[in-house]
Protein backbone atom coordinates (compact mmCIF):
# COMPACT_ATOMS: atom_id res chain seq x y z
CA MET A 1 0.00 0.00 0.00
CA ALA A 2 2.92 2.34 0.68
CA THR A 3 4.25 1.73 -2.85
CA ILE A 4 0.87 2.49 -4.41
CA SER A 5 0.55 5.70 -2.43
CA PHE A 6 4.02 6.84 -3.52
CA GLU A 7 3.31 6.08 -7.18
CA THR A 8 0.00 7.86 -6.94
CA PHE A 9 1.62 10.93 -5.46
CA PHE A 10 4.37 10.95 -8.08
CA LEU A 11 1.99 10.57 -11.02
CA HIS A 12 -0.39 13.11 -9.53
CA LEU A 13 2.48 15.59 -9.21
CA ILE A 14 3.42 15.13 -12.87
CA ASP A 15 -0.18 15.59 -13.92
CA ARG A 16 -0.49 18.77 -11.87
CA VAL A 17 2.65 20.24 -13.45
CA GLU A 18 1.37 19.45 -16.96
CA LYS A 19 -2.02 20.97 -16.20
CA LEU A 20 -0.38 24.05 -14.71
CA GLN A 21 1.69 24.61 -17.84
CA VAL A 22 -1.36 24.20 -20.08
CA GLN A 23 -3.37 26.53 -17.88
CA VAL A 24 -0.66 29.20 -17.99
CA ASN A 25 -0.59 29.04 -21.79
CA LYS A 26 -4.38 29.19 -22.00
CA ASN A 27 -4.65 32.08 -19.58
CA ARG A 28 -2.10 34.10 -21.55
CA SER A 29 -4.05 36.75 -23.39
CA ILE A 30 -3.50 37.67 -27.01
CA ARG A 31 -1.95 40.97 -25.99
CA GLU A 32 0.55 39.23 -23.71
CA GLU A 33 1.42 36.62 -26.32
CA ILE A 34 2.17 39.05 -29.14
CA ARG A 35 4.45 41.06 -26.86
CA THR A 36 6.86 38.17 -26.35
CA LEU A 37 10.02 37.85 -28.42
CA GLU A 38 9.57 34.09 -28.61
CA PHE A 39 6.25 34.50 -30.42
CA TRP A 40 7.56 36.70 -33.22
CA ARG A 41 10.77 34.72 -33.50
CA SER A 42 8.71 31.59 -34.16
CA ILE A 43 6.65 33.40 -36.82
CA ILE A 44 9.82 34.52 -38.61
CA ALA A 45 11.24 31.01 -38.34
CA GLU A 46 8.20 29.51 -40.08
CA CYS A 47 8.34 32.09 -42.85
CA LEU A 48 12.06 31.56 -43.42
CA ALA A 49 11.78 27.77 -43.32
CA SER A 50 8.96 27.77 -45.89
CA PHE A 51 10.99 30.10 -48.09
CA PHE A 52 13.96 27.72 -48.18
CA TYR A 53 11.82 24.63 -48.56
CA VAL A 54 9.99 25.90 -51.67
CA PHE A 55 13.14 27.43 -53.16
CA LEU A 56 15.16 24.22 -52.88
CA LEU A 57 12.40 21.73 -53.71
CA CYS A 58 11.04 23.64 -56.68
CA GLY A 59 14.62 24.30 -57.79
CA ALA A 60 15.06 20.54 -58.17
CA HIS A 61 12.25 20.60 -60.75
CA VAL A 62 13.83 23.32 -62.91
CA SER A 63 15.72 22.18 -65.99
CA TRP A 64 19.10 23.68 -66.86
CA PRO A 65 20.83 23.74 -70.27
CA ASN A 66 23.56 21.15 -70.76
CA HIS A 67 22.39 19.25 -67.66
CA ASP A 68 20.17 16.23 -67.41
CA PRO A 69 16.74 16.99 -65.99
CA SER A 70 16.38 15.96 -62.39
CA ASN A 71 14.89 12.53 -61.96
CA LEU A 72 12.48 11.16 -59.38
CA MET A 73 15.14 10.20 -56.85
CA ILE A 74 16.73 13.65 -56.87
CA LYS A 75 13.37 15.33 -56.24
CA ALA A 76 12.49 12.95 -53.42
CA LEU A 77 15.90 13.30 -51.79
CA THR A 78 15.66 17.07 -52.03
CA SER A 79 12.30 17.04 -50.26
CA GLY A 80 13.48 14.71 -47.46
CA LEU A 81 16.90 16.22 -46.85
CA THR A 82 15.56 19.77 -46.94
CA MET A 83 12.92 18.97 -44.33
CA ALA A 84 15.50 17.23 -42.14
CA THR A 85 17.76 20.27 -42.33
CA LEU A 86 14.98 22.74 -41.57
CA ALA A 87 13.69 20.62 -38.69
CA GLN A 88 17.17 20.58 -37.18
CA CYS A 89 17.45 24.36 -37.53
CA PHE A 90 14.01 25.52 -36.42
CA ASN A 91 12.46 22.75 -34.34
CA HIS A 92 13.53 24.32 -31.04
CA ILE A 93 12.25 27.73 -32.12
CA SER A 94 8.86 27.19 -33.75
CA GLY A 95 8.43 23.43 -33.96
CA ALA A 96 9.48 23.48 -37.63
CA HIS A 97 5.99 22.92 -39.01
CA VAL A 98 6.83 24.38 -42.45
CA ASN A 99 3.41 23.09 -43.47
CA PRO A 100 -0.09 24.55 -42.95
CA ALA A 101 -1.44 21.00 -42.64
CA VAL A 102 0.83 20.31 -39.67
CA THR A 103 -0.02 23.67 -38.10
CA PHE A 104 -3.75 23.15 -38.50
CA THR A 105 -3.50 19.71 -36.89
CA MET A 106 -1.55 21.17 -33.98
CA PHE A 107 -4.36 23.66 -33.52
CA VAL A 108 -7.05 20.97 -33.70
CA THR A 109 -5.25 18.92 -31.04
CA ARG A 110 -4.87 22.10 -28.90
CA ARG A 111 -1.10 22.14 -28.94
CA ILE A 112 -0.89 25.74 -30.17
CA SER A 113 -3.16 28.73 -29.77
CA PRO A 114 -5.51 29.96 -32.53
CA LEU A 115 -3.50 33.17 -32.91
CA ARG A 116 -0.24 31.31 -33.34
CA ALA A 117 -1.80 28.88 -35.80
CA SER A 118 -3.23 31.69 -37.92
CA LEU A 119 0.03 33.61 -38.12
CA TYR A 120 1.98 30.41 -38.77
CA VAL A 121 -0.16 29.69 -41.85
CA ILE A 122 0.16 33.27 -43.10
CA ALA A 123 3.93 33.17 -42.61
CA GLN A 124 4.23 29.80 -44.36
CA CYS A 125 2.18 30.92 -47.36
CA GLY A 126 4.11 34.20 -47.59
CA GLY A 127 7.47 32.44 -47.35
CA SER A 128 6.52 29.91 -50.02
CA ILE A 129 5.43 32.62 -52.44
CA ALA A 130 8.66 34.54 -51.79
CA GLY A 131 10.75 31.41 -52.34
CA ALA A 132 9.01 30.61 -55.64
CA ALA A 133 9.34 34.24 -56.77
CA LEU A 134 13.07 34.32 -56.04
CA LEU A 135 13.54 31.01 -57.85
CA TYR A 136 11.72 32.38 -60.87
CA GLY A 137 13.98 35.43 -60.88
CA VAL A 138 17.30 33.53 -60.68
CA THR A 139 16.53 30.84 -63.28
CA ILE A 140 17.16 31.12 -67.01
CA PRO A 141 14.16 32.56 -68.86
CA GLY A 142 12.38 29.95 -70.89
CA HIS A 143 13.74 27.11 -68.77
CA GLN A 144 11.57 27.52 -65.69
CA GLY A 145 9.05 25.02 -66.99
CA THR A 146 6.26 24.74 -64.43
CA LEU A 147 8.64 25.92 -61.68
CA GLY A 148 7.86 22.79 -59.71
CA ASN A 149 4.12 23.36 -59.69
CA THR A 150 2.28 20.25 -58.48
CA LEU A 151 0.23 18.64 -61.25
CA ILE A 152 -2.04 15.60 -61.26
CA HIS A 153 -1.14 12.74 -63.57
CA PRO A 154 -3.31 12.88 -66.71
CA ASP A 155 -4.70 9.40 -66.09
CA LEU A 156 -5.86 10.25 -62.55
CA GLY A 157 -9.00 12.07 -61.56
CA PRO A 158 -9.17 14.83 -58.94
CA TRP A 159 -10.67 12.57 -56.28
CA GLN A 160 -8.01 9.94 -56.87
CA ALA A 161 -5.40 12.63 -56.39
CA PHE A 162 -7.24 13.69 -53.24
CA GLY A 163 -6.88 10.15 -51.91
CA VAL A 164 -3.16 10.07 -52.68
CA GLU A 165 -2.52 13.37 -50.90
CA PHE A 166 -4.71 12.28 -47.99
CA VAL A 167 -2.81 9.04 -47.35
CA LEU A 168 0.68 10.45 -47.83
CA THR A 169 0.06 13.48 -45.61
CA PHE A 170 -1.49 11.20 -43.00
CA LEU A 171 1.82 9.33 -42.75
CA VAL A 172 3.88 12.53 -42.64
CA VAL A 173 1.87 14.10 -39.81
CA PHE A 174 1.73 10.80 -37.95
CA THR A 175 5.53 10.75 -38.08
CA VAL A 176 5.72 14.33 -36.80
CA PHE A 177 3.48 13.52 -33.84
CA ALA A 178 5.47 10.38 -33.05
CA THR A 179 8.75 12.30 -32.94
CA GLN A 180 7.22 14.77 -30.47
CA ASP A 181 6.12 12.04 -28.07
CA PRO A 182 8.31 12.53 -24.96
CA ASN A 183 7.88 8.89 -23.90
CA ARG A 184 9.10 7.47 -27.20
CA ARG A 185 12.50 5.83 -27.32
CA SER A 186 14.55 7.89 -29.76
CA LEU A 187 16.43 5.91 -32.38
CA GLY A 188 18.59 8.84 -33.45
CA SER A 189 17.84 12.30 -34.81
CA ASP A 190 14.17 13.32 -34.77
CA ALA A 191 14.83 15.76 -37.60
CA LEU A 192 16.22 12.96 -39.74
CA THR A 193 13.14 10.86 -38.95
CA VAL A 194 10.85 13.59 -40.25
CA GLY A 195 13.02 13.99 -43.35
CA ILE A 196 12.86 10.28 -44.06
CA GLY A 197 9.08 10.49 -43.76
CA TYR A 198 8.97 13.15 -46.48
CA LEU A 199 11.42 11.15 -48.59
CA ALA A 200 9.44 7.93 -48.33
CA THR A 201 6.15 9.60 -49.24
CA SER A 202 7.65 11.61 -52.10
CA LEU A 203 8.84 8.54 -53.98
CA PRO A 204 5.34 7.21 -54.80
CA GLY A 205 3.66 10.62 -54.65
CA ILE A 206 5.67 12.61 -57.21
CA PRO A 207 4.54 10.64 -60.29
CA ALA A 208 0.90 10.71 -59.16
CA THR A 209 0.27 14.21 -57.82
CA GLY A 210 3.68 15.85 -57.48
CA ALA A 211 3.74 14.87 -53.78
CA SER A 212 2.71 18.22 -52.40
CA LEU A 213 1.87 17.07 -48.85
CA ASN A 214 1.93 20.77 -48.07
CA PRO A 215 -0.58 23.40 -49.22
CA ALA A 216 2.03 26.18 -48.99
CA ARG A 217 4.43 24.22 -51.20
CA SER A 218 1.77 24.08 -53.93
CA LEU A 219 0.66 27.67 -53.39
CA GLY A 220 4.07 29.26 -54.05
CA PRO A 221 4.73 28.11 -57.66
CA ALA A 222 1.01 28.20 -58.52
CA PHE A 223 0.85 31.85 -57.48
CA VAL A 224 4.03 32.85 -59.36
CA MET A 225 3.18 30.94 -62.54
CA ASN A 226 -0.55 31.69 -62.23
CA LYS A 227 -1.49 28.08 -62.89
CA TRP A 228 -4.21 26.57 -60.69
CA PRO A 229 -5.26 23.19 -62.10
CA HIS A 230 -7.27 21.36 -59.43
CA HIS A 231 -5.59 23.46 -56.77
CA TRP A 232 -8.25 22.55 -54.21
CA VAL A 233 -6.87 19.00 -54.11
CA TYR A 234 -3.61 20.28 -52.64
CA TRP A 235 -5.41 22.03 -49.81
CA PHE A 236 -8.22 19.71 -48.77
CA GLY A 237 -6.28 16.48 -49.31
CA PRO A 238 -3.31 17.34 -47.05
CA LEU A 239 -5.47 19.11 -44.47
CA ALA A 240 -7.87 16.18 -44.13
CA GLY A 241 -5.11 13.57 -44.00
CA ALA A 242 -3.13 15.60 -41.47
CA VAL A 243 -6.07 16.07 -39.11
CA VAL A 244 -7.03 12.39 -39.21
CA GLY A 245 -3.44 11.29 -38.65
CA GLY A 246 -2.92 13.70 -35.77
CA LEU A 247 -6.16 12.78 -34.02
CA ILE A 248 -5.51 9.05 -34.34
CA TYR A 249 -2.08 9.39 -32.79
CA GLU A 250 -3.31 11.79 -30.12
CA TYR A 251 -6.16 9.62 -28.87
CA ILE A 252 -5.00 6.09 -29.69
CA PHE A 253 -1.23 5.81 -29.93
CA ASP A 254 -0.05 8.56 -27.59
CA THR A 255 1.84 6.84 -24.75
CA LYS A 256 0.77 9.55 -22.29
CA LYS A 257 -2.73 8.09 -22.45
CA ALA A 258 -1.39 4.81 -21.06
CA ILE A 259 0.20 6.67 -18.16
CA LYS A 260 -3.08 8.42 -17.42
CA THR A 261 -4.87 5.08 -17.50
CA LEU A 262 -2.37 3.62 -15.02
CA ARG A 263 -2.77 6.65 -12.81
CA GLU A 264 -6.55 6.31 -12.85
CA ALA A 265 -6.26 2.62 -11.97
CA ILE A 266 -4.02 3.38 -9.02
CA ASP A 267 -6.40 6.10 -7.86
CA GLU A 268 -9.27 3.65 -7.98
CA VAL A 269 -7.30 1.19 -5.84
CA ASP A 270 -6.61 3.92 -3.30
CA LYS A 271 -10.27 4.93 -3.24
CA GLU A 272 -11.37 1.35 -2.66
CA SER A 273 -8.85 0.92 0.15
CA ASN A 274 -9.98 4.17 1.75
CA LEU A 275 -13.59 3.05 1.58
CA ASP A 276 -12.68 -0.23 3.24
CA GLU A 277 -10.88 1.61 6.04
CA ASP A 278 -13.88 3.90 6.48
CA ASP A 279 -16.15 0.88 6.75
CA TYR A 280 -14.05 -0.54 9.54
CA GLU A 281 -13.87 2.79 11.34
CA ASN A 282 -17.60 3.54 10.97
CA PRO A 283 -19.52 1.16 13.22
CA GLU A 284 -22.84 2.09 11.63
CA ARG A 285 -21.73 0.32 8.44
CA CYS A 286 -20.74 -2.86 10.24
CA ASN A 287 -23.72 -5.21 9.93
CA VAL A 288 -24.13 -8.39 11.87
CA THR A 289 -25.97 -11.48 10.77
CA LYS A 290 -27.71 -13.94 12.99
CA ASP A 291 -24.58 -16.09 12.98
CA GLY A 292 -22.52 -13.24 14.38
CA GLY A 293 -20.54 -12.59 11.19
CA PRO A 294 -20.50 -9.46 9.06
CA GLN A 295 -23.36 -9.01 6.63
CA THR A 296 -22.05 -8.19 3.16
CA SER A 297 -25.25 -7.11 1.43
CA GLY A 298 -26.81 -3.76 2.18
CA THR A 299 -25.57 -0.84 4.21
CA TYR A 300 -27.86 -1.10 7.17
CA GLY A 301 -28.84 -4.74 6.97
CA ALA A 302 -31.30 -6.21 9.39
CA GLN A 303 -30.03 -7.68 12.62
CA TYR A 304 -31.53 -11.06 13.12
CA TYR A 305 -31.87 -12.84 16.42
CA ASP A 306 -32.52 -16.44 17.17
CA GLN A 307 -35.70 -17.16 19.07
CA THR A 308 -33.91 -19.11 21.76
CA ILE A 309 -31.30 -16.44 22.38
CA ARG A 310 -32.13 -13.19 24.09
CA PRO A 311 -29.97 -10.24 22.98
CA ALA A 312 -27.83 -8.77 25.68
CA LEU A 313 -28.03 -5.13 26.61
CA ASN A 314 -26.66 -2.80 23.89
CA THR A 315 -25.02 -5.75 22.13
CA TYR A 316 -26.09 -4.73 18.63
CA SER A 317 -26.49 -0.99 19.11
CA PRO A 318 -23.48 1.01 17.90
CA THR A 319 -24.43 3.90 20.17
CA HIS A 320 -25.61 4.10 23.71
CA SER A 321 -29.19 2.83 23.68
CA THR A 322 -32.06 4.31 25.69
CA TYR A 323 -33.80 0.98 26.07
CA PRO A 324 -34.41 -0.12 29.64
CA VAL A 325 -33.11 -3.41 30.81
CA PHE A 326 -35.73 -5.96 29.88
CA THR A 327 -36.57 -8.90 32.04
CA GLU A 328 -38.15 -12.24 31.42
CA SER A 329 -41.59 -10.73 31.97
CA SER A 330 -41.03 -8.23 29.17
CA TYR A 331 -39.90 -10.79 26.60
CA GLY A 332 -41.83 -13.74 27.73
CA THR A 333 -40.32 -17.17 27.48
CA HIS A 334 -37.29 -18.20 25.47
CA SER A 335 -39.19 -20.73 23.43
CA GLY A 336 -41.15 -18.18 21.45
CA PRO A 337 -42.16 -14.54 21.28
CA SER A 338 -44.73 -13.43 23.79
CA SER A 339 -47.59 -11.11 23.09
CA ASN A 340 -45.86 -8.26 24.88
CA TYR A 341 -43.00 -7.83 22.46
CA SER A 342 -44.62 -9.31 19.40
CA GLY A 343 -46.76 -6.21 19.11
CA ILE A 344 -43.72 -3.97 19.19
CA TYR A 345 -41.30 -5.83 16.91
CA GLY A 346 -43.74 -7.97 14.98
CA SER A 347 -42.68 -11.36 13.76
CA ARG A 348 -40.32 -12.33 10.92
CA GLY A 349 -39.94 -15.78 9.52
CA GLY A 350 -41.42 -17.79 12.32
CA GLY A 351 -41.31 -15.41 15.27
CA GLY A 352 -38.03 -13.58 14.74
CA PHE A 353 -37.50 -9.89 15.39
CA ARG A 354 -37.26 -6.95 13.05
CA THR A 355 -34.34 -4.57 13.10
CA VAL A 356 -33.76 -2.90 16.44
CA PRO A 357 -33.10 0.81 15.82
CA ALA A 358 -29.70 2.03 16.93
CA ARG A 359 -31.24 4.84 18.99
CA MET A 360 -34.86 5.69 19.71
CA GLU A 361 -36.87 7.33 22.45
CA TYR A 362 -38.79 4.72 24.32
CA ASP A 363 -40.97 5.18 27.34
CA PRO A 364 -42.67 1.95 28.47
CA GLY A 365 -45.14 3.96 30.44
CA THR A 366 -46.56 5.83 27.45
CA THR A 367 -46.10 3.40 24.59
CA LYS A 368 -49.27 1.92 23.23
CA PHE A 369 -49.27 -1.71 22.21
């Protein structure tokens, strides 16, 4: 019992600290949040990270004279390695979302505030447009091509492309949530894990839909080149897949839920033990059967007496009783109930007695039979 109490205290302390941190963040007003340097530094980090991501990834799609056009592996490696680099640089500052789908999922799971989520998305979209615009300005005219704009394969329909973006973004966001789990055993660099997630999803996604996985990544080149074929797919597909992936990890696979379940189980054990101790300390909850043992059913179970045994004074009353000392004349004989007390207690199951109240005012001179 001492071990359970210590574990309960320890887990309860951890839970209180977590709740206190969440409460402090929730109670912080918008005015207080925008006045902090950390807030604006994180906004700038998201804008700068999106700028580099679109510039490098879309740059891998640009063809250059006297050079072979980049193949599928180069594009996928660029996506994965760029995300790993940016996550290593900005994860400790802003979380390195670099993706409106990730930011929106963080907001849905209440990990960031609505103000922060809104400005993150604005910064990501602005950075992606700036990165695509700079890439357009530094490339050779006539060789920009589509500038890395995400396009659906001609043999696929929009809803098929929606499914591809949904599934691939689901895996990416699921990986991001897994790397942020504090109870997960790290197998190396978390930034590299995220980058490998982008790399693995880009390999099958680029031929089908261009492997956007990121609405801001599709917005930048589409805005600069003014080409919007089925652009809604690259917003609703990643957003829906990201939200589903984040919610599934949050409420099913998050290891903190298992700790909370263990804590609740230990609390229930402590409550049951406390109730048992209260039962022993409270004599009014200790019931006695006719055999003299404790009665398990009912709170105030009836106290039964054998006909041949006369109850002693205050034997079954938990408090001091006001009954007078009865004699043989009051009860009658031992062989059966007499008419004197049968009118008071009645009979039960062949002449037994009903429950004797723990305390009652009784005056034999005024009581009517």
